[in-house]
Amino acid sequence: MKIKLVASLACASALVCALPAEVEAKGCVRGAVVGGVAGHYAGHHAVAGAIGGCVVAHHYYKKKAAEQRARQQHH
């Protein structure tokens, strides 16, 4: 079981590394790891969880950066 999890996370990490630089957002790898582990325990869907985690983390950090830029423009 642990071997499948490690293999799934390795595949997800390879997928993340293959993305263009502008897509590889801050937190994407962290989101992929958390999503992969959650997906594994939620029915052996580690790869899908890793991809989802990366997408969610990318969105979160992009939104957070936009909010920070907006605050800096007002000051």
PDB file of N, CA and C in Angstrom:
ATOM      1  N   MET A   1       0.831  -1.190   0.000  1.00  0.00           N
ATOM      2  CA  MET A   1       0.000   0.000   0.000  1.00  0.00           C
ATOM      3  C   MET A   1       0.873   1.250   0.000  1.00  0.00           C
ATOM      4  N   LYS A   2       1.948   1.278   0.797  1.00  0.00           N
ATOM      5  CA  LYS A   2       2.813   2.448   0.840  1.00  0.00           C
ATOM      6  C   LYS A   2       3.546   2.634  -0.480  1.00  0.00           C
ATOM      7  N   ILE A   3       3.858   1.531  -1.143  1.00  0.00           N
ATOM      8  CA  ILE A   3       4.553   1.628  -2.424  1.00  0.00           C
ATOM      9  C   ILE A   3       3.662   2.307  -3.455  1.00  0.00           C
ATOM     10  N   LYS A   4       2.372   1.979  -3.463  1.00  0.00           N
ATOM     11  CA  LYS A   4       1.439   2.615  -4.397  1.00  0.00           C
ATOM     12  C   LYS A   4       1.331   4.107  -4.116  1.00  0.00           C
ATOM     13  N   LEU A   5       1.301   4.476  -2.841  1.00  0.00           N
ATOM     14  CA  LEU A   5       1.208   5.888  -2.474  1.00  0.00           C
ATOM     15  C   LEU A   5       2.447   6.646  -2.941  1.00  0.00           C
ATOM     16  N   VAL A   6       3.613   6.077  -2.696  1.00  0.00           N
ATOM     17  CA  VAL A   6       4.853   6.733  -3.102  1.00  0.00           C
ATOM     18  C   VAL A   6       4.919   6.834  -4.621  1.00  0.00           C
ATOM     19  N   ALA A   7       4.526   5.777  -5.320  1.00  0.00           N
ATOM     20  CA  ALA A   7       4.537   5.804  -6.778  1.00  0.00           C
ATOM     21  C   ALA A   7       3.553   6.848  -7.309  1.00  0.00           C
ATOM     22  N   SER A   8       2.390   6.928  -6.705  1.00  0.00           N
ATOM     23  CA  SER A   8       1.395   7.918  -7.138  1.00  0.00           C
ATOM     24  C   SER A   8       1.891   9.337  -6.906  1.00  0.00           C
ATOM     25  N   LEU A   9       2.504   9.569  -5.767  1.00  0.00           N
ATOM     26  CA  LEU A   9       3.026  10.906  -5.481  1.00  0.00           C
ATOM     27  C   LEU A   9       4.196  11.246  -6.401  1.00  0.00           C
ATOM     28  N   ALA A  10       5.003  10.244  -6.740  1.00  0.00           N
ATOM     29  CA  ALA A  10       6.102  10.479  -7.667  1.00  0.00           C
ATOM     30  C   ALA A  10       5.563  10.857  -9.043  1.00  0.00           C
ATOM     31  N   CYS A  11       4.516  10.185  -9.478  1.00  0.00           N
ATOM     32  CA  CYS A  11       3.894  10.521 -10.771  1.00  0.00           C
ATOM     33  C   CYS A  11       3.314  11.927 -10.735  1.00  0.00           C
ATOM     34  N   ALA A  12       2.659  12.270  -9.648  1.00  0.00           N
ATOM     35  CA  ALA A  12       2.076  13.604  -9.524  1.00  0.00           C
ATOM     36  C   ALA A  12       3.163  14.675  -9.506  1.00  0.00           C
ATOM     37  N   SER A  13       4.257  14.399  -8.819  1.00  0.00           N
ATOM     38  CA  SER A  13       5.359  15.357  -8.784  1.00  0.00           C
ATOM     39  C   SER A  13       5.969  15.533 -10.170  1.00  0.00           C
ATOM     40  N   ALA A  14       6.095  14.430 -10.906  1.00  0.00           N
ATOM     41  CA  ALA A  14       6.626  14.520 -12.270  1.00  0.00           C
ATOM     42  C   ALA A  14       5.695  15.351 -13.146  1.00  0.00           C
ATOM     43  N   LEU A  15       4.392  15.182 -12.959  1.00  0.00           N
ATOM     44  CA  LEU A  15       3.424  15.962 -13.726  1.00  0.00           C
ATOM     45  C   LEU A  15       3.552  17.440 -13.395  1.00  0.00           C
ATOM     46  N   VAL A  16       3.691  17.743 -12.125  1.00  0.00           N
ATOM     47  CA  VAL A  16       3.826  19.139 -11.699  1.00  0.00           C
ATOM     48  C   VAL A  16       5.099  19.742 -12.263  1.00  0.00           C
ATOM     49  N   CYS A  17       6.182  18.999 -12.254  1.00  0.00           N
ATOM     50  CA  CYS A  17       7.452  19.505 -12.776  1.00  0.00           C
ATOM     51  C   CYS A  17       7.407  19.702 -14.286  1.00  0.00           C
ATOM     52  N   ALA A  18       6.530  18.987 -14.966  1.00  0.00           N
ATOM     53  CA  ALA A  18       6.430  19.103 -16.418  1.00  0.00           C
ATOM     54  C   ALA A  18       5.599  20.309 -16.846  1.00  0.00           C
ATOM     55  N   LEU A  19       4.919  20.942 -15.921  1.00  0.00           N
ATOM     56  CA  LEU A  19       4.088  22.102 -16.251  1.00  0.00           C
ATOM     57  C   LEU A  19       4.968  23.300 -16.599  1.00  0.00           C
ATOM     58  N   PRO A  20       4.481  24.196 -17.441  1.00  0.00           N
ATOM     59  CA  PRO A  20       5.240  25.415 -17.735  1.00  0.00           C
ATOM     60  C   PRO A  20       5.478  26.223 -16.466  1.00  0.00           C
ATOM     61  N   ALA A  21       6.517  27.037 -16.469  1.00  0.00           N
ATOM     62  CA  ALA A  21       6.918  27.778 -15.268  1.00  0.00           C
ATOM     63  C   ALA A  21       5.812  28.677 -14.737  1.00  0.00           C
ATOM     64  N   GLU A  22       5.012  29.305 -15.620  1.00  0.00           N
ATOM     65  CA  GLU A  22       3.981  30.217 -15.124  1.00  0.00           C
ATOM     66  C   GLU A  22       2.843  29.486 -14.428  1.00  0.00           C
ATOM     67  N   VAL A  23       2.681  28.197 -14.710  1.00  0.00           N
ATOM     68  CA  VAL A  23       1.621  27.421 -14.073  1.00  0.00           C
ATOM     69  C   VAL A  23       2.090  26.864 -12.738  1.00  0.00           C
ATOM     70  N   GLU A  24       3.385  26.669 -12.617  1.00  0.00           N
ATOM     71  CA  GLU A  24       3.944  26.071 -11.405  1.00  0.00           C
ATOM     72  C   GLU A  24       3.956  27.126 -10.292  1.00  0.00           C
ATOM     73  N   ALA A  25       2.820  27.305  -9.671  1.00  0.00           N
ATOM     74  CA  ALA A  25       2.638  28.363  -8.683  1.00  0.00           C
ATOM     75  C   ALA A  25       3.166  27.946  -7.316  1.00  0.00           C
ATOM     76  N   LYS A  26       3.364  28.958  -6.497  1.00  0.00           N
ATOM     77  CA  LYS A  26       3.759  28.728  -5.117  1.00  0.00           C
ATOM     78  C   LYS A  26       2.703  27.862  -4.444  1.00  0.00           C
ATOM     79  N   GLY A  27       3.130  26.821  -3.764  1.00  0.00           N
ATOM     80  CA  GLY A  27       2.197  25.962  -3.057  1.00  0.00           C
ATOM     81  C   GLY A  27       1.684  24.795  -3.855  1.00  0.00           C
ATOM     82  N   CYS A  28       1.979  24.729  -5.145  1.00  0.00           N
ATOM     83  CA  CYS A  28       1.440  23.664  -5.983  1.00  0.00           C
ATOM     84  C   CYS A  28       1.957  22.303  -5.521  1.00  0.00           C
ATOM     85  N   VAL A  29       3.243  22.205  -5.243  1.00  0.00           N
ATOM     86  CA  VAL A  29       3.807  20.923  -4.817  1.00  0.00           C
ATOM     87  C   VAL A  29       3.238  20.547  -3.451  1.00  0.00           C
ATOM     88  N   ARG A  30       3.128  21.509  -2.564  1.00  0.00           N
ATOM     89  CA  ARG A  30       2.556  21.244  -1.244  1.00  0.00           C
ATOM     90  C   ARG A  30       1.106  20.769  -1.386  1.00  0.00           C
ATOM     91  N   GLY A  31       0.352  21.435  -2.250  1.00  0.00           N
ATOM     92  CA  GLY A  31      -1.030  21.035  -2.496  1.00  0.00           C
ATOM     93  C   GLY A  31      -1.121  19.659  -3.113  1.00  0.00           C
ATOM     94  N   ALA A  32      -0.174  19.349  -4.005  1.00  0.00           N
ATOM     95  CA  ALA A  32      -0.165  18.034  -4.641  1.00  0.00           C
ATOM     96  C   ALA A  32       0.097  16.934  -3.624  1.00  0.00           C
ATOM     97  N   VAL A  33       1.005  17.172  -2.705  1.00  0.00           N
ATOM     98  CA  VAL A  33       1.307  16.162  -1.688  1.00  0.00           C
ATOM     99  C   VAL A  33       0.106  15.957  -0.766  1.00  0.00           C
ATOM    100  N   VAL A  34      -0.458  17.036  -0.287  1.00  0.00           N
ATOM    101  CA  VAL A  34      -1.615  16.934   0.610  1.00  0.00           C
ATOM    102  C   VAL A  34      -2.794  16.291  -0.117  1.00  0.00           C
ATOM    103  N   GLY A  35      -3.057  16.724  -1.337  1.00  0.00           N
ATOM    104  CA  GLY A  35      -4.148  16.150  -2.118  1.00  0.00           C
ATOM    105  C   GLY A  35      -3.913  14.682  -2.441  1.00  0.00           C
ATOM    106  N   GLY A  36      -2.666  14.319  -2.713  1.00  0.00           N
ATOM    107  CA  GLY A  36      -2.340  12.926  -2.998  1.00  0.00           C
ATOM    108  C   GLY A  36      -2.577  12.016  -1.811  1.00  0.00           C
ATOM    109  N   VAL A  37      -2.166  12.470  -0.653  1.00  0.00           N
ATOM    110  CA  VAL A  37      -2.392  11.678   0.557  1.00  0.00           C
ATOM    111  C   VAL A  37      -3.881  11.574   0.851  1.00  0.00           C
ATOM    112  N   ALA A  38      -4.588  12.689   0.748  1.00  0.00           N
ATOM    113  CA  ALA A  38      -6.036  12.670   0.999  1.00  0.00           C
ATOM    114  C   ALA A  38      -6.749  11.777  -0.012  1.00  0.00           C
ATOM    115  N   GLY A  39      -6.369  11.879  -1.270  1.00  0.00           N
ATOM    116  CA  GLY A  39      -6.979  11.046  -2.296  1.00  0.00           C
ATOM    117  C   GLY A  39      -6.703   9.573  -2.090  1.00  0.00           C
ATOM    118  N   HIS A  40      -5.506   9.264  -1.622  1.00  0.00           N
ATOM    119  CA  HIS A  40      -5.156   7.865  -1.356  1.00  0.00           C
ATOM    120  C   HIS A  40      -6.065   7.270  -0.284  1.00  0.00           C
ATOM    121  N   TYR A  41      -6.257   8.003   0.781  1.00  0.00           N
ATOM    122  CA  TYR A  41      -7.087   7.491   1.875  1.00  0.00           C
ATOM    123  C   TYR A  41      -8.583   7.589   1.579  1.00  0.00           C
ATOM    124  N   ALA A  42      -8.951   8.344   0.563  1.00  0.00           N
ATOM    125  CA  ALA A  42     -10.370   8.492   0.217  1.00  0.00           C
ATOM    126  C   ALA A  42     -10.746   7.591  -0.952  1.00  0.00           C
ATOM    127  N   GLY A  43     -10.099   6.481  -1.080  1.00  0.00           N
ATOM    128  CA  GLY A  43     -10.492   5.530  -2.113  1.00  0.00           C
ATOM    129  C   GLY A  43      -9.436   5.260  -3.154  1.00  0.00           C
ATOM    130  N   HIS A  44      -8.174   5.382  -2.781  1.00  0.00           N
ATOM    131  CA  HIS A  44      -7.059   5.068  -3.683  1.00  0.00           C
ATOM    132  C   HIS A  44      -7.069   5.922  -4.947  1.00  0.00           C
ATOM    133  N   HIS A  45      -7.286   7.204  -4.779  1.00  0.00           N
ATOM    134  CA  HIS A  45      -7.278   8.153  -5.891  1.00  0.00           C
ATOM    135  C   HIS A  45      -6.184   9.193  -5.660  1.00  0.00           C
ATOM    136  N   ALA A  46      -4.967   8.713  -5.388  1.00  0.00           N
ATOM    137  CA  ALA A  46      -3.873   9.613  -5.033  1.00  0.00           C
ATOM    138  C   ALA A  46      -3.516  10.569  -6.162  1.00  0.00           C
ATOM    139  N   VAL A  47      -3.473  10.083  -7.384  1.00  0.00           N
ATOM    140  CA  VAL A  47      -3.077  10.946  -8.496  1.00  0.00           C
ATOM    141  C   VAL A  47      -4.123  12.033  -8.727  1.00  0.00           C
ATOM    142  N   ALA A  48      -5.380  11.643  -8.711  1.00  0.00           N
ATOM    143  CA  ALA A  48      -6.446  12.640  -8.877  1.00  0.00           C
ATOM    144  C   ALA A  48      -6.417  13.654  -7.736  1.00  0.00           C
ATOM    145  N   GLY A  49      -6.171  13.176  -6.528  1.00  0.00           N
ATOM    146  CA  GLY A  49      -6.072  14.076  -5.383  1.00  0.00           C
ATOM    147  C   GLY A  49      -4.890  15.025  -5.495  1.00  0.00           C
ATOM    148  N   ALA A  50      -3.775  14.508  -6.008  1.00  0.00           N
ATOM    149  CA  ALA A  50      -2.588  15.351  -6.170  1.00  0.00           C
ATOM    150  C   ALA A  50      -2.828  16.435  -7.205  1.00  0.00           C
ATOM    151  N   ILE A  51      -3.451  16.081  -8.298  1.00  0.00           N
ATOM    152  CA  ILE A  51      -3.752  17.075  -9.329  1.00  0.00           C
ATOM    153  C   ILE A  51      -4.730  18.116  -8.788  1.00  0.00           C
ATOM    154  N   GLY A  52      -5.764  17.655  -8.101  1.00  0.00           N
ATOM    155  CA  GLY A  52      -6.728  18.580  -7.502  1.00  0.00           C
ATOM    156  C   GLY A  52      -6.088  19.483  -6.468  1.00  0.00           C
ATOM    157  N   GLY A  53      -5.217  18.918  -5.646  1.00  0.00           N
ATOM    158  CA  GLY A  53      -4.528  19.713  -4.635  1.00  0.00           C
ATOM    159  C   GLY A  53      -3.653  20.782  -5.251  1.00  0.00           C
ATOM    160  N   CYS A  54      -2.988  20.444  -6.337  1.00  0.00           N
ATOM    161  CA  CYS A  54      -2.151  21.416  -7.041  1.00  0.00           C
ATOM    162  C   CYS A  54      -3.002  22.548  -7.605  1.00  0.00           C
ATOM    163  N   VAL A  55      -4.127  22.205  -8.203  1.00  0.00           N
ATOM    164  CA  VAL A  55      -5.011  23.216  -8.783  1.00  0.00           C
ATOM    165  C   VAL A  55      -5.560  24.144  -7.701  1.00  0.00           C
ATOM    166  N   VAL A  56      -5.992  23.571  -6.597  1.00  0.00           N
ATOM    167  CA  VAL A  56      -6.550  24.374  -5.503  1.00  0.00           C
ATOM    168  C   VAL A  56      -5.483  25.297  -4.911  1.00  0.00           C
ATOM    169  N   ALA A  57      -4.284  24.761  -4.670  1.00  0.00           N
ATOM    170  CA  ALA A  57      -3.209  25.579  -4.106  1.00  0.00           C
ATOM    171  C   ALA A  57      -2.810  26.691  -5.073  1.00  0.00           C
ATOM    172  N   HIS A  58      -2.759  26.369  -6.367  1.00  0.00           N
ATOM    173  CA  HIS A  58      -2.433  27.382  -7.381  1.00  0.00           C
ATOM    174  C   HIS A  58      -3.454  28.525  -7.338  1.00  0.00           C
ATOM    175  N   HIS A  59      -4.724  28.185  -7.281  1.00  0.00           N
ATOM    176  CA  HIS A  59      -5.793  29.191  -7.224  1.00  0.00           C
ATOM    177  C   HIS A  59      -5.679  30.030  -5.951  1.00  0.00           C
ATOM    178  N   TYR A  60      -5.441  29.375  -4.824  1.00  0.00           N
ATOM    179  CA  TYR A  60      -5.352  30.068  -3.538  1.00  0.00           C
ATOM    180  C   TYR A  60      -4.214  31.094  -3.549  1.00  0.00           C
ATOM    181  N   TYR A  61      -3.031  30.676  -3.972  1.00  0.00           N
ATOM    182  CA  TYR A  61      -1.891  31.589  -3.955  1.00  0.00           C
ATOM    183  C   TYR A  61      -2.012  32.692  -5.000  1.00  0.00           C
ATOM    184  N   LYS A  62      -2.645  32.390  -6.132  1.00  0.00           N
ATOM    185  CA  LYS A  62      -2.868  33.418  -7.147  1.00  0.00           C
ATOM    186  C   LYS A  62      -3.821  34.487  -6.611  1.00  0.00           C
ATOM    187  N   LYS A  63      -4.877  34.052  -5.942  1.00  0.00           N
ATOM    188  CA  LYS A  63      -5.844  34.975  -5.346  1.00  0.00           C
ATOM    189  C   LYS A  63      -5.191  35.803  -4.240  1.00  0.00           C
ATOM    190  N   LYS A  64      -4.392  35.151  -3.415  1.00  0.00           N
ATOM    191  CA  LYS A  64      -3.711  35.834  -2.323  1.00  0.00           C
ATOM    192  C   LYS A  64      -2.739  36.891  -2.860  1.00  0.00           C
ATOM    193  N   ALA A  65      -2.020  36.579  -3.939  1.00  0.00           N
ATOM    194  CA  ALA A  65      -1.092  37.543  -4.540  1.00  0.00           C
ATOM    195  C   ALA A  65      -1.842  38.729  -5.133  1.00  0.00           C
ATOM    196  N   ALA A  66      -2.990  38.470  -5.751  1.00  0.00           N
ATOM    197  CA  ALA A  66      -3.789  39.562  -6.317  1.00  0.00           C
ATOM    198  C   ALA A  66      -4.306  40.486  -5.213  1.00  0.00           C
ATOM    199  N   GLU A  67      -4.734  39.917  -4.107  1.00  0.00           N
ATOM    200  CA  GLU A  67      -5.211  40.732  -2.977  1.00  0.00           C
ATOM    201  C   GLU A  67      -4.078  41.575  -2.407  1.00  0.00           C
ATOM    202  N   GLN A  68      -2.888  40.995  -2.341  1.00  0.00           N
ATOM    203  CA  GLN A  68      -1.745  41.731  -1.817  1.00  0.00           C
ATOM    204  C   GLN A  68      -1.360  42.874  -2.756  1.00  0.00           C
ATOM    205  N   ARG A  69      -1.403  42.640  -4.062  1.00  0.00           N
ATOM    206  CA  ARG A  69      -1.121  43.717  -5.021  1.00  0.00           C
ATOM    207  C   ARG A  69      -2.152  44.833  -4.907  1.00  0.00           C
ATOM    208  N   ALA A  70      -3.411  44.467  -4.709  1.00  0.00           N
ATOM    209  CA  ALA A  70      -4.481  45.472  -4.579  1.00  0.00           C
ATOM    210  C   ALA A  70      -4.255  46.323  -3.331  1.00  0.00           C
ATOM    211  N   ARG A  71      -3.852  45.695  -2.242  1.00  0.00           N
ATOM    212  CA  ARG A  71      -3.581  46.450  -1.004  1.00  0.00           C
ATOM    213  C   ARG A  71      -2.417  47.393  -1.193  1.00  0.00           C
ATOM    214  N   GLN A  72      -1.376  46.957  -1.918  1.00  0.00           N
ATOM    215  CA  GLN A  72      -0.207  47.805  -2.126  1.00  0.00           C
ATOM    216  C   GLN A  72      -0.526  48.994  -3.015  1.00  0.00           C
ATOM    217  N   GLN A  73      -1.445  48.825  -3.959  1.00  0.00           N
ATOM    218  CA  GLN A  73      -1.815  49.928  -4.845  1.00  0.00           C
ATOM    219  C   GLN A  73      -2.613  50.997  -4.112  1.00  0.00           C
ATOM    220  N   HIS A  74      -3.325  50.610  -3.067  1.00  0.00           N
ATOM    221  CA  HIS A  74      -4.133  51.573  -2.315  1.00  0.00           C
ATOM    222  C   HIS A  74      -3.289  52.368  -1.320  1.00  0.00           C
ATOM    223  N   HIS A  75      -2.079  51.932  -1.068  1.00  0.00           N
ATOM    224  CA  HIS A  75      -1.240  52.634  -0.088  1.00  0.00           C
ATOM    225  C   HIS A  75      -0.189  53.444  -0.749  1.00  0.00           C
TER     226      HIS A  75
END
